[in-house]
Protein backbone atom coordinates (compact mmCIF):
# COMPACT_ATOMS: atom_id res chain seq x y z
CA UNK A 1 -61.71 122.53 -112.84
CA UNK A 2 -58.37 122.76 -111.04
CA UNK A 3 -56.87 119.89 -109.08
CA UNK A 4 -58.63 119.10 -105.85
CA UNK A 5 -56.95 119.72 -102.50
CA UNK A 6 -57.70 118.32 -99.05
CA UNK A 7 -60.58 119.04 -96.70
CA UNK A 8 -61.87 122.41 -95.52
CA UNK A 9 -63.32 122.89 -92.01
CA UNK A 10 -65.48 125.89 -91.10
CA UNK A 11 -66.72 126.73 -87.63
CA UNK A 12 -68.04 129.71 -85.71
CA UNK A 13 -66.66 128.61 -82.37
CA UNK A 14 -63.97 126.48 -80.76
CA UNK A 15 -66.07 123.39 -80.01
CA UNK A 16 -64.10 120.33 -78.84
CA UNK A 17 -65.09 117.96 -81.64
CA UNK A 18 -64.26 120.38 -84.46
CA UNK A 19 -61.00 121.16 -82.68
CA UNK A 20 -60.06 117.48 -82.92
CA UNK A 21 -61.43 117.07 -86.46
CA UNK A 22 -59.10 119.88 -87.57
CA UNK A 23 -56.19 118.44 -85.60
CA UNK A 24 -56.64 114.95 -87.03
CA UNK A 25 -56.84 116.25 -90.61
CA UNK A 26 -53.83 118.51 -90.08
CA UNK A 27 -51.72 115.65 -88.70
CA UNK A 28 -52.55 113.59 -91.80
CA UNK A 29 -51.66 116.64 -93.93
CA UNK A 30 -55.07 116.71 -95.60
CA UNK A 31 -56.45 119.90 -93.99
CA UNK A 32 -56.60 122.62 -96.66
CA UNK A 33 -58.07 125.39 -94.46
CA UNK A 34 -59.67 125.91 -91.08
CA UNK A 35 -62.00 128.88 -91.47
CA UNK A 36 -63.10 130.75 -88.34
CA UNK A 37 -64.66 134.20 -87.84
CA UNK A 38 -61.50 135.54 -86.16
CA UNK A 39 -58.17 133.78 -85.58
CA UNK A 40 -56.93 134.78 -82.16
CA UNK A 41 -53.43 133.27 -82.43
CA UNK A 42 -51.76 136.62 -83.29
CA UNK A 43 -53.58 138.30 -80.40
CA UNK A 44 -52.42 135.53 -78.05
CA UNK A 45 -48.79 135.90 -79.15
CA UNK A 46 -49.00 139.65 -78.62
CA UNK A 47 -50.60 139.21 -75.16
CA UNK A 48 -47.73 136.96 -74.05
CA UNK A 49 -45.19 139.76 -74.39
CA UNK A 50 -47.09 142.71 -72.87
CA UNK A 51 -47.62 141.35 -69.33
CA UNK A 52 -50.20 142.72 -66.88
CA UNK A 53 -53.47 142.90 -68.80
CA UNK A 54 -51.94 140.47 -71.25
CA UNK A 55 -52.42 137.50 -68.95
CA UNK A 56 -56.17 138.09 -68.89
CA UNK A 57 -56.14 138.45 -72.68
CA UNK A 58 -54.19 135.19 -72.99
CA UNK A 59 -56.84 133.40 -70.97
CA UNK A 60 -59.62 134.72 -73.18
CA UNK A 61 -57.72 133.74 -76.33
CA UNK A 62 -56.96 130.21 -75.09
CA UNK A 63 -60.68 129.43 -74.68
CA UNK A 64 -61.42 130.60 -78.24
CA UNK A 65 -58.25 129.58 -80.08
CA UNK A 66 -57.51 126.49 -82.16
CA UNK A 67 -54.31 124.49 -81.92
CA UNK A 68 -54.46 124.19 -85.72
CA UNK A 69 -53.60 127.24 -87.84
CA UNK A 70 -56.81 129.03 -88.76
CA UNK A 71 -57.92 131.68 -91.28
CA UNK A 72 -60.10 134.67 -90.26
CA UNK A 73 -63.17 135.27 -92.42
CA UNK A 74 -65.47 137.69 -90.53
CA UNK A 75 -63.42 139.55 -87.95
CA UNK A 76 -65.61 142.64 -87.72
CA UNK A 77 -68.76 140.56 -87.22
CA UNK A 78 -66.97 138.49 -84.58
CA UNK A 79 -65.84 141.59 -82.71
CA UNK A 80 -69.40 142.91 -82.75
CA UNK A 81 -70.70 139.56 -81.51
CA UNK A 82 -68.26 139.47 -78.57
CA UNK A 83 -69.00 143.11 -77.71
CA UNK A 84 -72.78 142.44 -77.61
CA UNK A 85 -72.58 139.09 -75.79
CA UNK A 86 -73.49 140.62 -72.42
CA UNK A 87 -76.79 141.96 -73.70
CA UNK A 88 -79.71 140.17 -71.98
CA UNK A 89 -81.75 139.66 -75.18
CA UNK A 90 -81.25 138.69 -78.78
CA UNK A 91 -78.86 135.78 -78.20
CA UNK A 92 -80.18 133.57 -81.00
CA UNK A 93 -80.32 136.48 -83.46
CA UNK A 94 -76.65 137.32 -82.78
CA UNK A 95 -75.68 133.67 -83.20
CA UNK A 96 -77.51 133.57 -86.52
CA UNK A 97 -75.84 136.74 -87.82
CA UNK A 98 -72.42 135.48 -86.81
CA UNK A 99 -73.01 132.05 -88.39
CA UNK A 100 -74.38 133.55 -91.60
CA UNK A 101 -71.35 135.87 -91.93
CA UNK A 102 -68.97 132.90 -91.70
CA UNK A 103 -71.08 130.82 -94.08
CA UNK A 104 -71.14 133.53 -96.79
CA UNK A 105 -67.41 134.26 -96.38
CA UNK A 106 -66.43 130.59 -96.70
CA UNK A 107 -68.65 130.13 -99.74
CA UNK A 108 -66.96 133.08 -101.46
CA UNK A 109 -63.47 131.81 -100.72
CA UNK A 110 -64.24 128.31 -101.97
CA UNK A 111 -65.96 129.63 -105.09
CA UNK A 112 -62.90 131.73 -105.94
CA UNK A 113 -60.33 129.01 -105.28
CA UNK A 114 -59.69 125.38 -106.21
CA UNK A 115 -62.40 123.05 -104.92
CA UNK A 116 -61.48 120.85 -101.91
CA UNK A 117 -62.27 117.16 -101.61
CA UNK A 118 -64.84 117.89 -98.92
CA UNK A 119 -66.04 120.61 -96.60
CA UNK A 120 -66.90 120.04 -92.92
CA UNK A 121 -69.60 122.37 -91.62
CA UNK A 122 -71.11 123.15 -88.24
CA UNK A 123 -74.80 123.73 -87.30
CA UNK A 124 -76.27 127.09 -88.40
CA UNK A 125 -73.21 128.08 -90.40
CA UNK A 126 -72.88 125.94 -93.53
CA UNK A 127 -76.11 126.05 -95.58
CA UNK A 128 -74.81 128.44 -98.25
CA UNK A 129 -71.43 126.66 -98.32
CA UNK A 130 -73.11 123.26 -98.76
CA UNK A 131 -75.33 124.58 -101.55
CA UNK A 132 -72.20 125.70 -103.43
CA UNK A 133 -70.43 122.41 -102.66
CA UNK A 134 -73.27 120.31 -104.06
CA UNK A 135 -73.13 122.24 -107.31
CA UNK A 136 -69.33 121.91 -107.45
CA UNK A 137 -69.30 118.16 -106.75
CA UNK A 138 -67.61 118.61 -103.36
CA UNK A 139 -68.53 116.22 -100.56
CA UNK A 140 -70.41 117.84 -97.68
CA UNK A 141 -69.81 116.68 -94.08
CA UNK A 142 -72.08 117.94 -91.30
CA UNK A 143 -70.71 117.81 -87.75
CA UNK A 144 -73.93 117.20 -85.77
CA UNK A 145 -72.86 118.38 -82.33
CA UNK A 146 -76.33 118.81 -80.79
CA UNK A 147 -79.45 116.74 -80.35
CA UNK A 148 -81.96 117.27 -83.12
CA UNK A 149 -83.52 120.71 -82.48
CA UNK A 150 -87.02 119.37 -83.00
CA UNK A 151 -86.26 116.95 -80.19
CA UNK A 152 -84.88 119.73 -77.97
CA UNK A 153 -87.92 121.89 -78.58
CA UNK A 154 -90.26 119.01 -77.79
CA UNK A 155 -88.32 118.52 -74.55
CA UNK A 156 -88.91 122.15 -73.61
CA UNK A 157 -92.60 121.91 -74.48
CA UNK A 158 -93.00 118.74 -72.43
CA UNK A 159 -91.13 120.39 -69.56
CA UNK A 160 -93.41 123.42 -69.74
CA UNK A 161 -96.34 121.08 -69.19
CA UNK A 162 -94.73 120.11 -65.86
CA UNK A 163 -94.38 123.72 -64.73
CA UNK A 164 -96.06 124.79 -61.51
CA UNK A 165 -96.96 128.30 -62.78
CA UNK A 166 -97.57 130.21 -65.97
CA UNK A 167 -94.46 132.32 -65.43
CA UNK A 168 -92.28 129.21 -65.01
CA UNK A 169 -93.82 127.71 -68.17
CA UNK A 170 -92.95 130.87 -70.09
CA UNK A 171 -89.36 130.82 -68.79
CA UNK A 172 -88.95 127.24 -69.96
CA UNK A 173 -90.36 127.96 -73.40
CA UNK A 174 -87.95 130.92 -73.79
CA UNK A 175 -85.16 128.37 -74.14
CA UNK A 176 -86.68 126.89 -77.33
CA UNK A 177 -84.89 127.29 -80.67
CA UNK A 178 -86.55 129.64 -83.14
CA UNK A 179 -88.30 128.24 -86.21
CA UNK A 180 -85.73 129.93 -88.47
CA UNK A 181 -82.79 128.23 -86.72
CA UNK A 182 -84.51 124.81 -86.74
CA UNK A 183 -85.31 125.11 -90.42
CA UNK A 184 -81.79 126.26 -91.30
CA UNK A 185 -80.14 123.30 -89.59
CA UNK A 186 -82.68 120.89 -91.15
CA UNK A 187 -81.65 122.23 -94.56
CA UNK A 188 -77.96 121.78 -93.72
CA UNK A 189 -78.60 118.17 -92.73
CA UNK A 190 -80.55 117.57 -95.93
CA UNK A 191 -77.56 118.93 -97.97
CA UNK A 192 -74.99 116.73 -96.16
CA UNK A 193 -73.51 113.67 -97.81
CA UNK A 194 -72.04 112.54 -94.52
CA UNK A 195 -73.36 113.35 -91.03
CA UNK A 196 -71.12 112.85 -88.02
CA UNK A 197 -73.29 111.68 -85.11
CA UNK A 198 -71.66 111.76 -81.65
CA UNK A 199 -74.18 109.41 -79.98
CA UNK A 200 -76.75 106.70 -80.63
CA UNK A 201 -79.35 109.18 -79.37
CA UNK A 202 -78.52 111.57 -82.27
CA UNK A 203 -78.22 108.65 -84.74
CA UNK A 204 -81.71 107.44 -83.80
CA UNK A 205 -83.15 110.94 -84.22
CA UNK A 206 -81.61 111.18 -87.69
CA UNK A 207 -83.04 107.83 -88.75
CA UNK A 208 -86.45 108.76 -87.37
CA UNK A 209 -86.28 111.91 -89.49
CA UNK A 210 -85.73 109.84 -92.64
CA UNK A 211 -81.95 110.16 -93.00
CA UNK A 212 -80.57 106.99 -94.68
CA UNK A 213 -78.25 104.92 -92.51
CA UNK A 214 -75.41 105.05 -95.05
CA UNK A 215 -75.15 108.83 -94.61
CA UNK A 216 -74.72 108.64 -90.81
CA UNK A 217 -71.31 108.03 -89.22
CA UNK A 218 -71.43 107.35 -85.47
CA UNK A 219 -68.23 108.51 -83.73
CA UNK A 220 -68.53 109.11 -79.98
CA UNK A 221 -66.59 111.96 -78.49
CA UNK A 222 -63.62 111.65 -76.17
CA UNK A 223 -62.01 112.93 -72.99
CA UNK A 224 -58.58 114.28 -72.19
CA UNK A 225 -57.21 111.67 -69.78
CA UNK A 226 -53.78 112.41 -68.34
CA UNK A 227 -51.56 109.97 -66.47
CA UNK A 228 -52.39 111.25 -63.02
CA UNK A 229 -54.14 108.75 -60.71
CA UNK A 230 -57.78 108.99 -59.74
CA UNK A 231 -58.10 111.44 -56.79
CA UNK A 232 -58.23 109.66 -53.47
CA UNK A 233 -61.63 110.05 -51.83
CA UNK A 234 -62.00 109.36 -48.13
CA UNK A 235 -64.35 106.89 -46.41
CA UNK A 236 -65.44 109.28 -43.69
CA UNK A 237 -69.00 109.67 -42.45
CA UNK A 238 -69.81 112.92 -44.26
CA UNK A 239 -72.24 114.22 -46.85
CA UNK A 240 -71.93 112.99 -50.44
CA UNK A 241 -70.38 115.70 -52.60
CA UNK A 242 -72.60 115.97 -55.66
CA UNK A 243 -71.44 117.91 -58.72
CA UNK A 244 -73.45 119.33 -61.63
CA UNK A 245 -71.61 120.99 -64.53
CA UNK A 246 -73.58 122.45 -67.43
CA UNK A 247 -75.78 125.32 -68.55
CA UNK A 248 -77.98 126.64 -65.81
CA UNK A 249 -81.32 126.22 -67.55
CA UNK A 250 -84.03 123.63 -68.07
CA UNK A 251 -82.67 121.41 -70.88
CA UNK A 252 -79.98 119.82 -68.68
CA UNK A 253 -82.45 118.62 -66.04
CA UNK A 254 -80.94 120.79 -63.31
CA UNK A 255 -84.38 121.38 -61.81
CA UNK A 256 -84.61 117.68 -60.92
CA UNK A 257 -81.15 117.66 -59.34
CA UNK A 258 -82.13 120.67 -57.19
CA UNK A 259 -85.39 118.96 -56.13
CA UNK A 260 -83.57 115.74 -55.30
CA UNK A 261 -80.92 117.39 -53.15
CA UNK A 262 -83.50 119.62 -51.45
CA UNK A 263 -85.34 116.50 -50.29
CA UNK A 264 -82.18 115.09 -48.68
CA UNK A 265 -80.62 116.22 -45.42
CA UNK A 266 -77.38 118.16 -45.21
CA UNK A 267 -75.75 115.08 -43.66
CA UNK A 268 -76.56 113.07 -46.80
CA UNK A 269 -75.68 115.31 -49.73
CA UNK A 270 -74.16 118.63 -50.70
CA UNK A 271 -74.59 119.93 -54.25
CA UNK A 272 -72.22 122.15 -56.23
CA UNK A 273 -73.60 123.72 -59.43
CA UNK A 274 -71.13 124.99 -62.06
CA UNK A 275 -72.03 126.66 -65.35
CA UNK A 276 -73.37 129.76 -67.08
CA UNK A 277 -76.95 130.92 -66.63
CA UNK A 278 -78.87 130.83 -69.95
CA UNK A 279 -81.76 133.00 -71.02
CA UNK A 280 -81.87 134.81 -67.64
CA UNK A 281 -83.07 131.56 -66.06
CA UNK A 282 -84.55 131.81 -62.56
CA UNK A 283 -84.00 128.11 -61.91
CA UNK A 284 -81.60 128.85 -59.02
CA UNK A 285 -84.15 130.99 -57.14
CA UNK A 286 -84.67 129.34 -53.80
CA UNK A 287 -81.40 127.35 -54.00
CA UNK A 288 -81.58 124.48 -51.48
CA UNK A 289 -79.79 124.97 -48.17
CA UNK A 290 -77.36 122.17 -49.03
CA UNK A 291 -76.43 123.55 -52.47
CA UNK A 292 -74.08 126.28 -53.76
CA UNK A 293 -73.66 127.93 -57.14
CA UNK A 294 -70.12 128.78 -58.31
CA UNK A 295 -70.92 130.26 -61.75
CA UNK A 296 -68.77 129.51 -64.80
CA UNK A 297 -65.26 128.37 -63.80
CA UNK A 298 -61.97 128.38 -65.66
CA UNK A 299 -60.35 125.05 -66.52
CA UNK A 300 -58.14 124.79 -63.39
CA UNK A 301 -60.95 125.57 -60.97
CA UNK A 302 -63.29 123.18 -62.72
CA UNK A 303 -60.70 120.40 -62.48
CA UNK A 304 -60.48 121.10 -58.76
CA UNK A 305 -64.25 120.63 -58.39
CA UNK A 306 -64.11 117.34 -60.29
CA UNK A 307 -61.35 116.17 -57.94
CA UNK A 308 -63.29 117.12 -54.78
CA UNK A 309 -66.64 115.57 -55.82
CA UNK A 310 -67.90 112.07 -55.07
CA UNK A 311 -70.51 111.77 -57.82
CA UNK A 312 -71.52 113.62 -60.95
CA UNK A 313 -75.18 114.19 -61.93
CA UNK A 314 -76.56 115.34 -65.30
CA UNK A 315 -80.14 114.16 -65.99
CA UNK A 316 -80.47 115.95 -69.35
CA UNK A 317 -83.65 116.05 -71.44
CA UNK A 318 -81.75 116.25 -74.80
CA UNK A 319 -78.06 116.25 -75.75
CA UNK A 320 -75.71 115.43 -78.58
CA UNK A 321 -73.12 113.87 -76.29
CA UNK A 322 -72.47 115.87 -73.13
CA UNK A 323 -68.69 116.10 -72.83
CA UNK A 324 -68.74 116.97 -69.14
CA UNK A 325 -69.78 113.39 -68.38
CA UNK A 326 -66.60 111.92 -69.87
CA UNK A 327 -64.62 114.65 -68.16
CA UNK A 328 -66.14 113.64 -64.81
CA UNK A 329 -65.41 109.95 -65.54
CA UNK A 330 -61.78 110.82 -66.26
CA UNK A 331 -61.62 112.03 -62.64
CA UNK A 332 -63.08 108.73 -61.45
CA UNK A 333 -66.59 110.01 -60.68
CA UNK A 334 -69.60 107.68 -60.76
CA UNK A 335 -72.25 109.35 -62.92
CA UNK A 336 -76.02 109.60 -62.71
CA UNK A 337 -77.33 110.36 -66.19
CA UNK A 338 -80.23 109.80 -68.59
CA UNK A 339 -80.37 108.08 -71.98
CA UNK A 340 -80.89 111.55 -73.45
CA UNK A 341 -77.32 112.48 -72.46
CA UNK A 342 -76.06 110.52 -75.47
CA UNK A 343 -74.09 107.83 -73.62
CA UNK A 344 -75.77 104.62 -74.75
CA UNK A 345 -73.03 102.02 -75.10
CA UNK A 346 -70.53 104.23 -73.22
CA UNK A 347 -71.91 104.42 -69.68
CA UNK A 348 -73.25 101.06 -68.47
CA UNK A 349 -76.00 101.13 -65.85
CA UNK A 350 -74.75 99.76 -62.53
CA UNK A 351 -71.08 99.78 -63.62
CA UNK A 352 -69.92 103.35 -64.21
CA UNK A 353 -72.97 104.77 -62.49
CA UNK A 354 -76.73 104.83 -62.98
CA UNK A 355 -78.72 105.50 -66.14
CA UNK A 356 -82.18 106.66 -65.12
CA UNK A 357 -85.28 107.96 -66.91
CA UNK A 358 -85.43 111.70 -67.46
CA UNK A 359 -87.63 113.79 -65.12
CA UNK A 360 -87.38 111.25 -62.29
CA UNK A 361 -86.44 113.03 -59.06
CA UNK A 362 -87.18 109.94 -57.02
CA UNK A 363 -84.56 107.84 -58.83
CA UNK A 364 -81.95 110.60 -58.51
CA UNK A 365 -82.53 110.59 -54.75
CA UNK A 366 -82.46 106.76 -54.66
CA UNK A 367 -79.19 106.65 -56.66
CA UNK A 368 -77.55 109.27 -54.41
CA UNK A 369 -78.64 107.48 -51.26
CA UNK A 370 -77.21 104.16 -52.53
CA UNK A 371 -73.85 105.83 -53.23
CA UNK A 372 -73.91 107.68 -49.93
CA UNK A 373 -74.44 104.44 -47.95
CA UNK A 374 -72.21 102.13 -49.99
CA UNK A 375 -68.63 103.38 -50.19
CA UNK A 376 -67.41 100.10 -51.74
CA UNK A 377 -69.85 100.48 -54.62
CA UNK A 378 -68.82 104.07 -55.06
CA UNK A 379 -65.19 103.02 -55.19
CA UNK A 380 -65.86 100.30 -57.78
CA UNK A 381 -67.85 102.71 -59.96
CA UNK A 382 -65.06 105.27 -59.60
CA UNK A 383 -62.48 102.86 -60.98
CA UNK A 384 -64.82 101.68 -63.71
CA UNK A 385 -65.51 105.29 -64.78
CA UNK A 386 -61.82 106.08 -65.09
CA UNK A 387 -61.17 102.90 -67.03
CA UNK A 388 -64.03 103.67 -69.41
CA UNK A 389 -62.77 107.23 -69.96
CA UNK A 390 -59.36 105.80 -70.83
CA UNK A 391 -61.04 103.93 -73.70
CA UNK A 392 -63.07 106.89 -75.00
CA UNK A 393 -60.30 109.36 -75.66
CA UNK A 394 -59.96 112.10 -78.27
CA UNK A 395 -57.10 110.10 -79.85
CA UNK A 396 -59.59 107.26 -80.47
CA UNK A 397 -62.04 109.80 -81.91
CA UNK A 398 -59.40 111.14 -84.32
CA UNK A 399 -58.32 107.65 -85.47
CA UNK A 400 -61.90 106.60 -86.10
CA UNK A 401 -62.66 109.83 -87.94
CA UNK A 402 -59.77 109.36 -90.36
CA UNK A 403 -60.68 105.71 -90.90
CA UNK A 404 -64.34 106.47 -91.55
CA UNK A 405 -63.63 109.38 -93.92
CA UNK A 406 -61.00 107.36 -95.79
CA UNK A 407 -63.55 104.60 -96.36
CA UNK A 408 -66.03 107.11 -97.84
CA UNK A 409 -63.63 109.36 -99.77
CA UNK A 410 -61.33 107.33 -102.05
CA UNK A 411 -59.37 110.47 -103.02
CA UNK A 412 -58.65 111.14 -99.35
CA UNK A 413 -57.51 107.57 -98.84
CA UNK A 414 -55.12 108.01 -101.77
CA UNK A 415 -53.79 111.27 -100.32
CA UNK A 416 -53.12 109.67 -96.94
């Protein structure tokens, strides 16, 4: 067997944690390859020089492009995936085909080259690669970005029991993960030597599923916190500006935010909903009079909404670690969240905001009313949120990742 190299990272999409995993490994000069379906860096460079339509193309590339040099593995499949992304059906099937194409391509490349020290895989897209790695004596690292899919599916099933009609129940159940996807990710977890868990919520799920503690590495995610001060928010007698950012569907608990705001007067609260609609959800039908939906926003417009808001609400039913919460905290927003958001030990109830039980409209209303009436409390929570976000940064994530991997991979420690 030839001499081992560094670490390989493979991902189907530009998710924030895998972006920073790749960046941290590259900075330490131990990243062998970052495999993606299609590297958009050449397209981005071309778009910069053509002007006109190029600016739109640049924007698309920036959302899907890594700061670390990447290697394309399944460009045709990726092009077909993007072209079919507007179809109203078959979303999970397209995701599976895309993930499988990357998985098989990475396995072939690793099989034909010199084995790395370890391979970092993402959900749905590393089963075949991990099977090869186990036979080759290569360490397998699973980046567990989501809540356990069994847990997510149970959340949908429980939510369907709360539906007020058969049609609503069916719409909720449409969001469940297919048996094939759940089984595939379960197999990937079983093949992993190391599992990166972003939250205590995910860590607990893994333990409950029989995963030994020594295979789980808890590393909470981070936020990008610049040096700009917290936006100044006035003390005028006006409605509380409530912000929700996330998928427009049932898993994030949006239905409870809508019910809460609908029960409040326009003088108390105004809700802004930001995010893409999933699975043709009808959850926004009958939007409350004191709410507005802005769709999916680009980065600059989203930052503007964070700056204008007074409080952030995300009462999720199941998450890995919802990044939008830390983003909101970086803008000094008090947060109203659930334990299922994955922020145990990060957001402290009564300090950075309120941690409430899931599916509790009454406590959402109560929390909003407290913040509406008590500007001093809102101001204290705002400062506390910003200070907490300044602790939980991506730089901290990257340092902890390198430290944890060095402890578990002696050859990596020697290389560093």
